[in-house]
Amino acid sequence: MKNILARVKSSGDRALRELTLQFDKIKLDDLKVSAKEIEDGIASVSVELKKSIELAAKNIEQFHAAQKREVIKVETTPGVICWRKAEPIQKIGIYIPGGSAPLFSTVLMLGIPAKLAGCEEIVLCTPPDSNGKINPAILFAANLTGIKNIFKVGGAQAIAAMAYGTESISSVYKIFGPGNQYVTKAKQLVNLEGTAIDMPAGPSEVLVIADENANPSFAAADLLSQAEHGVDSQVILVTSEERIARNITEQIYIQLERLPRKEIAKEALANSRAIILNNRDAIDFVNSYAPEHLIINTKDCDELVEKIKNAGSIFLGQFTPESAGDYASGTNHTLPTNGFAKSYSGVSLESFLKYITVQKISKEGLNNLGPVIEAMAEAEQLRGHGEAVRVRIES
């Protein structure tokens, strides 16, 4: 991993081409997706899919636009006014997983709040397919959100390119986007060198709490929807009775046979669990596990949700599948995994903003607050701090 980062840092585009040939088996002349490729890709997307993406984009924009905060000025002491002003992160990078499941929905989840925040420069990296092309739906979603700088680079080398910059790809201040364990590790490593990241977002997880009122086929479908993400995904079922777990498990293996990605899901299921716990222990377990996605498919879901302290995103009741949040309900699907929901939130509008504190003090305000500052500065033996107040008061 460190070798990949070092190669990109020292050799730029040449290293990216070599690594793309090594890992993706594709020889590329141009790393950047051309305007013609974008145009052709958009034209190949079906009208039905375009309409679906546009509706999802509308809901995501509506939800994230509502997160804008008003500036609140606080007079902490007469004549002393403090506030925070929001500024967009000027340069951001977006990583979009490609491979067998090109996540064009993630383009919406990251591109829309970035646009709402007012980020000036957005770089998008995603791995090419076996023909050296980018999935057309990714190109359509990127165009819809105003992203033009799209590059055919995947894996840890893409994270390195966005962190350090190359001849083709500009360095950015913060990198967003989920990925496999290698992408996640690369993000963590460049973060140590000063490039901000959204969160440690690795392989997908879901935890389903189901009671006797839950439809077994619904619960099974929710578990499989995450198991098909990748062989390193994990799905957990928590219920109070072995009978319920058995009924849901039977449905899992019935529905599994209908999935095109059933072999991937099978491997994920091998690392997954069904756990029998009473309600109190179930809540303790959830808060300890801190799942990326939590589905509470119980009669008392509205009461149970109030007891949840740690989860990336929560889905309540019989008719709220996790896939709604993945695509079109409006909430963001870029979420903390691997227990990081104990300390991280999912991506929101504020993820693309930074807040700068501002204060303005009048002569009256400094007269009121000055003696406090001087006393504290003197106690810390920082006389110069006190002098900065004293010269003003005595002027």
Protein backbone atom coordinates (compact mmCIF):
# COMPACT_ATOMS: atom_id res chain seq x y z
CA MET A 1 0.00 0.00 0.00
CA LYS A 2 2.70 2.49 0.99
CA ASN A 3 4.60 1.52 -2.15
CA ILE A 4 1.59 2.42 -4.34
CA LEU A 5 1.22 5.79 -2.63
CA ALA A 6 4.95 6.49 -2.98
CA ARG A 7 4.97 5.56 -6.68
CA VAL A 8 2.12 7.92 -7.47
CA LYS A 9 3.66 10.69 -5.38
CA SER A 10 6.98 10.44 -7.20
CA SER A 11 5.93 9.44 -10.74
CA GLY A 12 2.45 10.93 -11.17
CA ASP A 13 0.55 9.97 -14.32
CA ARG A 14 3.15 7.41 -15.35
CA ALA A 15 2.60 5.49 -12.12
CA LEU A 16 -1.18 5.70 -12.58
CA ARG A 17 -0.94 4.19 -16.07
CA GLU A 18 1.37 1.43 -14.86
CA LEU A 19 -0.84 0.59 -11.89
CA THR A 20 -4.00 0.63 -14.02
CA LEU A 21 -2.36 -1.83 -16.39
CA GLN A 22 -1.22 -3.98 -13.47
CA PHE A 23 -4.49 -4.09 -11.53
CA ASP A 24 -7.21 -3.36 -14.10
CA LYS A 25 -5.46 -4.91 -17.12
CA ILE A 26 -6.15 -1.79 -19.15
CA LYS A 27 -3.63 0.33 -21.05
CA LEU A 28 -4.74 3.95 -21.05
CA ASP A 29 -3.41 6.85 -23.08
CA ASP A 30 -5.67 9.49 -21.50
CA LEU A 31 -6.64 9.28 -17.85
CA LYS A 32 -9.28 11.98 -18.11
CA VAL A 33 -12.70 11.14 -19.54
CA SER A 34 -13.18 13.30 -22.61
CA ALA A 35 -16.21 15.49 -23.32
CA LYS A 36 -17.05 13.14 -26.22
CA GLU A 37 -16.96 10.10 -23.94
CA ILE A 38 -19.26 11.87 -21.49
CA GLU A 39 -21.66 12.83 -24.30
CA ASP A 40 -21.71 9.30 -25.74
CA GLY A 41 -22.13 7.73 -22.31
CA ILE A 42 -25.07 9.97 -21.43
CA ALA A 43 -26.74 9.17 -24.75
CA SER A 44 -26.57 5.44 -24.02
CA VAL A 45 -28.42 5.67 -20.70
CA SER A 46 -32.06 4.63 -21.01
CA VAL A 47 -34.79 7.24 -20.57
CA GLU A 48 -36.26 5.22 -17.71
CA LEU A 49 -32.97 5.17 -15.78
CA LYS A 50 -32.39 8.86 -16.44
CA LYS A 51 -35.80 9.68 -14.96
CA SER A 52 -35.08 7.50 -11.93
CA ILE A 53 -31.72 9.17 -11.33
CA GLU A 54 -33.26 12.62 -11.75
CA LEU A 55 -35.99 11.87 -9.18
CA ALA A 56 -33.44 10.48 -6.72
CA ALA A 57 -31.30 13.59 -7.27
CA LYS A 58 -34.30 15.82 -6.52
CA ASN A 59 -34.96 14.06 -3.20
CA ILE A 60 -31.28 14.09 -2.21
CA GLU A 61 -31.01 17.80 -3.02
CA GLN A 62 -34.17 18.61 -1.07
CA PHE A 63 -32.98 16.74 2.03
CA HIS A 64 -29.47 18.20 1.98
CA ALA A 65 -30.56 21.76 1.15
CA ALA A 66 -32.66 21.72 4.33
CA GLN A 67 -29.44 21.25 6.33
CA LYS A 68 -28.25 24.81 5.65
CA ARG A 69 -27.81 26.78 8.88
CA GLU A 70 -28.55 30.40 9.57
CA VAL A 71 -25.73 32.51 10.95
CA ILE A 72 -26.42 33.16 14.63
CA LYS A 73 -24.56 36.07 16.26
CA VAL A 74 -24.20 35.80 20.03
CA GLU A 75 -23.40 38.71 22.33
CA THR A 76 -21.52 36.82 25.05
CA THR A 77 -20.75 39.98 27.02
CA PRO A 78 -22.09 43.49 26.29
CA GLY A 79 -20.05 44.69 23.32
CA VAL A 80 -18.60 41.24 22.53
CA ILE A 81 -20.21 39.54 19.52
CA CYS A 82 -19.22 36.06 18.29
CA TRP A 83 -20.44 33.94 15.40
CA ARG A 84 -19.44 31.22 12.94
CA LYS A 85 -19.39 31.60 9.18
CA ALA A 86 -19.54 28.59 6.87
CA GLU A 87 -17.14 28.32 3.96
CA PRO A 88 -17.06 25.50 1.40
CA ILE A 89 -14.01 23.27 1.18
CA GLN A 90 -12.59 24.63 -2.06
CA LYS A 91 -11.15 21.43 -3.57
CA ILE A 92 -12.66 18.00 -2.98
CA GLY A 93 -12.09 14.55 -4.42
CA ILE A 94 -14.76 11.92 -4.92
CA TYR A 95 -13.98 8.23 -5.22
CA ILE A 96 -16.65 6.10 -6.88
CA PRO A 97 -16.27 2.30 -6.71
CA GLY A 98 -16.57 0.65 -10.11
CA GLY A 99 -15.73 -2.93 -10.94
CA SER A 100 -18.65 -5.33 -10.84
CA ALA A 101 -20.97 -2.78 -9.17
CA PRO A 102 -20.42 0.76 -10.48
CA LEU A 103 -22.04 2.94 -7.81
CA PHE A 104 -23.47 5.83 -9.81
CA SER A 105 -25.79 6.53 -6.86
CA THR A 106 -22.73 7.56 -4.83
CA VAL A 107 -22.06 10.30 -7.40
CA LEU A 108 -25.40 11.85 -6.40
CA MET A 109 -24.76 11.36 -2.69
CA LEU A 110 -21.46 13.25 -2.87
CA GLY A 111 -21.84 15.53 -5.86
CA ILE A 112 -25.14 17.11 -4.80
CA PRO A 113 -24.10 18.28 -1.30
CA ALA A 114 -20.75 19.42 -2.73
CA LYS A 115 -22.62 21.58 -5.24
CA LEU A 116 -24.99 22.91 -2.56
CA ALA A 117 -22.02 23.76 -0.33
CA GLY A 118 -20.36 25.69 -3.16
CA CYS A 119 -17.15 23.66 -3.53
CA GLU A 120 -15.11 25.28 -6.30
CA GLU A 121 -13.29 22.24 -7.70
CA ILE A 122 -14.47 18.64 -7.74
CA VAL A 123 -12.33 15.74 -8.97
CA LEU A 124 -13.97 12.35 -9.52
CA CYS A 125 -11.96 9.14 -9.83
CA THR A 126 -13.45 5.76 -10.71
CA PRO A 127 -11.91 2.59 -12.17
CA PRO A 128 -12.45 1.80 -15.87
CA ASP A 129 -14.17 -1.35 -17.09
CA SER A 130 -12.46 -4.03 -19.19
CA ASN A 131 -12.83 -1.81 -22.27
CA GLY A 132 -11.28 1.20 -20.62
CA LYS A 133 -14.67 2.93 -20.31
CA ILE A 134 -16.58 4.46 -17.41
CA ASN A 135 -20.10 3.22 -16.71
CA PRO A 136 -22.54 5.52 -18.59
CA ALA A 137 -24.79 5.95 -15.55
CA ILE A 138 -21.80 7.31 -13.59
CA LEU A 139 -21.20 9.81 -16.38
CA PHE A 140 -24.87 10.82 -16.45
CA ALA A 141 -25.00 11.30 -12.67
CA ALA A 142 -21.75 13.29 -12.73
CA ASN A 143 -23.04 15.53 -15.49
CA LEU A 144 -26.30 16.02 -13.59
CA THR A 145 -24.36 17.30 -10.58
CA GLY A 146 -22.02 19.47 -12.63
CA ILE A 147 -18.87 17.35 -12.27
CA LYS A 148 -16.63 17.60 -15.34
CA ASN A 149 -13.22 16.43 -14.09
CA ILE A 150 -13.65 12.65 -14.27
CA PHE A 151 -10.67 10.29 -14.33
CA LYS A 152 -10.28 6.58 -15.17
CA VAL A 153 -8.35 5.69 -12.04
CA GLY A 154 -9.35 3.29 -9.28
CA GLY A 155 -8.06 1.73 -6.09
CA ALA A 156 -5.41 3.08 -3.75
CA GLN A 157 -3.68 4.81 -6.67
CA ALA A 158 -6.74 7.03 -7.18
CA ILE A 159 -6.63 8.11 -3.54
CA ALA A 160 -2.92 8.89 -3.91
CA ALA A 161 -3.55 10.92 -7.07
CA MET A 162 -6.19 13.06 -5.36
CA ALA A 163 -4.05 13.51 -2.25
CA TYR A 164 -0.73 14.40 -3.93
CA GLY A 165 -1.79 15.55 -7.39
CA THR A 166 -0.34 14.44 -10.71
CA GLU A 167 0.14 16.05 -14.12
CA SER A 168 -3.53 15.34 -14.94
CA ILE A 169 -5.25 15.22 -11.55
CA SER A 170 -5.31 18.17 -9.16
CA SER A 171 -4.60 17.57 -5.49
CA VAL A 172 -7.60 18.17 -3.24
CA TYR A 173 -8.16 19.16 0.39
CA LYS A 174 -10.63 16.41 1.32
CA ILE A 175 -11.44 13.00 -0.17
CA PHE A 176 -14.90 11.42 -0.06
CA GLY A 177 -16.28 8.07 -1.06
CA PRO A 178 -16.54 4.43 -0.01
CA GLY A 179 -14.35 1.61 -1.21
CA ASN A 180 -12.83 -1.74 -0.40
CA GLN A 181 -10.26 -2.34 2.33
CA TYR A 182 -7.42 -1.05 0.12
CA VAL A 183 -9.18 2.20 -0.70
CA THR A 184 -10.07 2.68 2.96
CA LYS A 185 -6.49 2.04 4.07
CA ALA A 186 -5.16 4.45 1.44
CA LYS A 187 -7.53 7.14 2.69
CA GLN A 188 -6.35 6.62 6.25
CA LEU A 189 -2.70 6.83 5.20
CA VAL A 190 -3.04 10.06 3.21
CA ASN A 191 -5.06 11.47 6.09
CA LEU A 192 -1.98 11.06 8.28
CA GLU A 193 -0.10 13.26 5.79
CA GLY A 194 -2.63 16.08 5.89
CA THR A 195 -5.40 15.30 3.38
CA ALA A 196 -8.78 15.22 5.12
CA ILE A 197 -11.17 12.32 4.52
CA ASP A 198 -14.88 11.93 5.09
CA MET A 199 -14.61 8.85 7.34
CA PRO A 200 -13.27 5.30 7.38
CA ALA A 201 -15.94 3.82 5.08
CA GLY A 202 -15.09 0.24 4.21
CA PRO A 203 -17.09 -2.90 3.40
CA SER A 204 -20.85 -2.59 3.81
CA GLU A 205 -22.83 -3.73 6.85
CA VAL A 206 -26.45 -4.11 7.87
CA LEU A 207 -28.04 -5.20 11.12
CA VAL A 208 -31.72 -6.15 11.13
CA ILE A 209 -33.77 -6.35 14.32
CA ALA A 210 -36.91 -8.41 13.60
CA ASP A 211 -39.75 -9.55 15.86
CA GLU A 212 -42.70 -11.88 15.30
CA ASN A 213 -44.52 -9.14 13.34
CA ALA A 214 -41.76 -8.88 10.73
CA ASN A 215 -42.42 -10.44 7.36
CA PRO A 216 -39.62 -13.03 6.99
CA SER A 217 -39.27 -12.35 3.26
CA PHE A 218 -38.81 -8.61 3.91
CA ALA A 219 -36.10 -9.21 6.50
CA ALA A 220 -34.36 -11.76 4.26
CA ALA A 221 -34.38 -9.35 1.31
CA ASP A 222 -32.84 -6.60 3.46
CA LEU A 223 -30.03 -8.89 4.60
CA LEU A 224 -29.30 -10.04 1.06
CA SER A 225 -29.31 -6.48 -0.27
CA GLN A 226 -26.13 -5.87 1.70
CA ALA A 227 -24.61 -9.34 1.32
CA GLU A 228 -24.49 -8.85 -2.44
CA HIS A 229 -22.26 -5.77 -2.11
CA GLY A 230 -19.08 -7.79 -1.65
CA VAL A 231 -17.55 -10.88 -0.15
CA ASP A 232 -16.29 -8.82 2.78
CA SER A 233 -19.73 -7.38 3.60
CA GLN A 234 -21.37 -8.48 6.83
CA VAL A 235 -25.06 -8.89 7.67
CA ILE A 236 -26.43 -9.51 11.15
CA LEU A 237 -29.91 -10.63 12.18
CA VAL A 238 -31.02 -10.01 15.77
CA THR A 239 -34.28 -11.46 17.02
CA SER A 240 -35.77 -12.74 20.25
CA GLU A 241 -36.78 -16.24 19.10
CA GLU A 242 -35.00 -19.04 17.28
CA ARG A 243 -38.19 -19.73 15.31
CA ILE A 244 -38.11 -16.23 13.81
CA ALA A 245 -34.44 -16.58 12.90
CA ARG A 246 -35.10 -19.94 11.26
CA ASN A 247 -37.99 -18.57 9.15
CA ILE A 248 -35.90 -15.62 7.96
CA THR A 249 -32.91 -17.85 7.20
CA GLU A 250 -35.10 -20.13 5.06
CA GLN A 251 -36.23 -17.09 3.08
CA ILE A 252 -32.62 -15.95 2.64
CA TYR A 253 -31.66 -19.16 0.85
CA ILE A 254 -34.82 -19.14 -1.27
CA GLN A 255 -34.20 -15.57 -2.44
CA LEU A 256 -30.45 -16.08 -2.78
CA GLU A 257 -30.95 -18.29 -5.83
CA ARG A 258 -32.61 -15.40 -7.67
CA LEU A 259 -29.65 -13.05 -7.33
CA PRO A 260 -27.17 -12.60 -10.19
CA ARG A 261 -24.50 -11.93 -7.54
CA LYS A 262 -25.41 -14.96 -5.45
CA GLU A 263 -21.83 -16.28 -5.25
CA ILE A 264 -20.68 -12.99 -3.75
CA ALA A 265 -23.63 -12.99 -1.35
CA LYS A 266 -22.87 -16.59 -0.30
CA GLU A 267 -19.35 -15.65 0.75
CA ALA A 268 -20.64 -12.65 2.70
CA LEU A 269 -23.26 -14.82 4.42
CA ALA A 270 -20.52 -17.20 5.56
CA ASN A 271 -19.16 -14.35 7.70
CA SER A 272 -22.58 -13.23 8.93
CA ARG A 273 -24.64 -14.17 11.98
CA ALA A 274 -28.15 -14.64 13.37
CA ILE A 275 -28.25 -13.78 17.07
CA ILE A 276 -31.02 -14.51 19.60
CA LEU A 277 -31.38 -11.72 22.19
CA ASN A 278 -34.16 -10.12 24.21
CA ASN A 279 -35.03 -6.49 23.49
CA ARG A 280 -32.79 -4.98 26.16
CA ASP A 281 -29.78 -7.06 25.21
CA ALA A 282 -30.49 -6.41 21.53
CA ILE A 283 -30.22 -2.63 22.05
CA ASP A 284 -26.98 -3.06 24.02
CA PHE A 285 -25.60 -5.21 21.22
CA VAL A 286 -26.56 -2.70 18.51
CA ASN A 287 -24.93 0.18 20.39
CA SER A 288 -21.78 -1.89 20.84
CA TYR A 289 -21.66 -3.12 17.23
CA ALA A 290 -22.57 0.35 15.79
CA PRO A 291 -23.80 -0.85 12.38
CA GLU A 292 -23.52 1.16 9.20
CA HIS A 293 -27.19 0.42 8.45
CA LEU A 294 -29.75 -0.52 11.10
CA ILE A 295 -33.21 -1.79 10.17
CA ILE A 296 -35.70 -2.01 13.05
CA ASN A 297 -38.50 -4.18 11.69
CA THR A 298 -40.55 -4.49 14.87
CA LYS A 299 -43.96 -3.45 16.10
CA ASP A 300 -42.39 -1.04 18.61
CA CYS A 301 -39.79 0.39 16.22
CA ASP A 302 -40.67 4.01 17.07
CA GLU A 303 -39.85 3.37 20.72
CA LEU A 304 -36.74 1.29 20.08
CA VAL A 305 -35.16 3.93 17.82
CA GLU A 306 -34.99 6.35 20.73
CA LYS A 307 -32.64 3.93 22.52
CA ILE A 308 -30.16 3.69 19.64
CA LYS A 309 -26.98 5.65 20.26
CA ASN A 310 -24.65 4.26 17.59
CA ALA A 311 -25.64 3.64 13.95
CA GLY A 312 -24.85 5.20 10.59
CA SER A 313 -28.43 5.30 9.31
CA ILE A 314 -31.68 3.82 10.69
CA PHE A 315 -34.66 2.39 8.80
CA LEU A 316 -37.95 1.92 10.65
CA GLY A 317 -40.83 -0.46 10.12
CA GLN A 318 -42.01 -3.04 7.61
CA PHE A 319 -41.90 -0.83 4.53
CA THR A 320 -38.55 0.95 4.90
CA PRO A 321 -35.90 -1.09 3.08
CA GLU A 322 -32.28 -0.05 3.41
CA SER A 323 -32.13 0.26 -0.38
CA ALA A 324 -34.41 3.32 -0.14
CA GLY A 325 -31.61 5.16 1.62
CA ASP A 326 -29.06 3.75 -0.81
CA TYR A 327 -30.81 5.33 -3.75
CA ALA A 328 -33.70 7.69 -3.59
CA SER A 329 -35.33 8.63 -0.27
CA GLY A 330 -32.99 11.62 0.10
CA THR A 331 -30.68 10.65 2.98
CA ASN A 332 -27.01 10.06 2.32
CA HIS A 333 -25.65 6.54 1.92
CA THR A 334 -21.98 7.34 2.57
CA LEU A 335 -21.79 6.06 6.13
CA PRO A 336 -19.26 4.94 8.76
CA THR A 337 -18.57 1.20 8.99
CA ASN A 338 -16.58 -1.18 11.18
CA GLY A 339 -17.84 0.36 14.43
CA PHE A 340 -16.91 3.93 13.47
CA ALA A 341 -20.57 4.97 13.84
CA LYS A 342 -19.70 5.34 17.53
CA SER A 343 -17.78 8.49 16.69
CA TYR A 344 -18.55 9.46 13.06
CA SER A 345 -21.69 10.70 11.31
CA GLY A 346 -22.62 9.88 7.74
CA VAL A 347 -21.91 12.40 5.00
CA SER A 348 -24.09 15.52 5.09
CA LEU A 349 -24.01 19.04 3.70
CA GLU A 350 -21.72 20.05 6.57
CA SER A 351 -19.15 17.47 5.47
CA PHE A 352 -18.35 19.82 2.58
CA LEU A 353 -18.18 22.95 4.73
CA LYS A 354 -15.81 24.27 7.34
CA TYR A 355 -16.81 26.77 9.98
CA ILE A 356 -14.71 29.80 10.84
CA THR A 357 -15.33 31.59 14.11
CA VAL A 358 -15.56 35.39 13.96
CA GLN A 359 -15.70 37.94 16.77
CA LYS A 360 -16.04 41.69 16.94
CA ILE A 361 -15.47 43.64 20.14
CA SER A 362 -16.32 47.28 20.74
CA LYS A 363 -14.35 49.59 23.06
CA GLU A 364 -17.09 49.10 25.65
CA GLY A 365 -16.89 45.34 25.18
CA LEU A 366 -13.12 45.29 25.71
CA ASN A 367 -13.52 47.42 28.84
CA ASN A 368 -16.00 44.83 30.13
CA LEU A 369 -13.97 41.73 29.20
CA GLY A 370 -10.44 43.11 29.44
CA PRO A 371 -9.85 42.60 33.16
CA VAL A 372 -10.84 38.93 32.81
CA ILE A 373 -8.39 38.41 29.94
CA GLU A 374 -5.58 40.20 31.78
CA ALA A 375 -6.10 38.16 34.95
CA MET A 376 -6.07 34.87 33.05
CA ALA A 377 -3.04 35.83 30.95
CA GLU A 378 -1.11 36.84 34.05
CA ALA A 379 -1.97 33.53 35.75
CA GLU A 380 -0.62 31.62 32.73
CA GLN A 381 2.52 33.81 32.70
CA LEU A 382 1.73 35.08 29.21
CA ARG A 383 2.10 38.78 29.86
CA GLY A 384 2.07 39.68 26.15
CA HIS A 385 -1.52 38.47 25.92
CA GLY A 386 -2.50 40.84 28.68
CA GLU A 387 -0.59 43.70 27.09
CA ALA A 388 -2.60 43.29 23.87
CA VAL A 389 -5.66 44.18 25.95
CA ARG A 390 -4.05 46.79 28.16
CA VAL A 391 -2.73 48.98 25.32
CA ARG A 392 -6.20 49.19 23.85
CA ILE A 393 -7.97 50.01 27.11
CA GLU A 394 -5.43 52.72 27.91
CA SER A 395 -5.50 54.26 24.42
